Amino acid sequence: MKGVSNIVLLLITIIIVISSISALWLYFSVVLRITTSTDSTSALGNALSSCIKIDSTSGNKVYLRNCGSGVVTNSSLRVYLDDILINFSMSPQVLNNSVQGIISLYGL
């Protein structure tokens, strides 16, 4: 009986070690995937390198220019008037460096 209990103890120990290694591998693979995400890093870099200059306004139209090196998109831009978010459309939808665009404001 002593030989059988040693084999069972060895099997249980091996199962515990394999389970622990698997759990650690899963944890670190998730952590590394989150910290090396390029989407959030590139979005932050784009936001920090963006600059918008308002050239002029006329009625409900705002003429603006991208003066930074980042890309300004319709979805990354917010327009506020007296701390109230205003609906708008931008043409073109993407402003690269030194490109002028027109924002049409709605609901004024």
Foldseek 3Di string as FASTA:
>chain_A
DVVVVVVVVVVVVVVVVVVVVVVVVVVVVVVVCVVPDVVVVVVVVLVVQWDKDFPDDDDQKTKIATAGQHKDFQVNDWDDDPNHTWDWDKPPRIHHHGDIIMIGTPDD
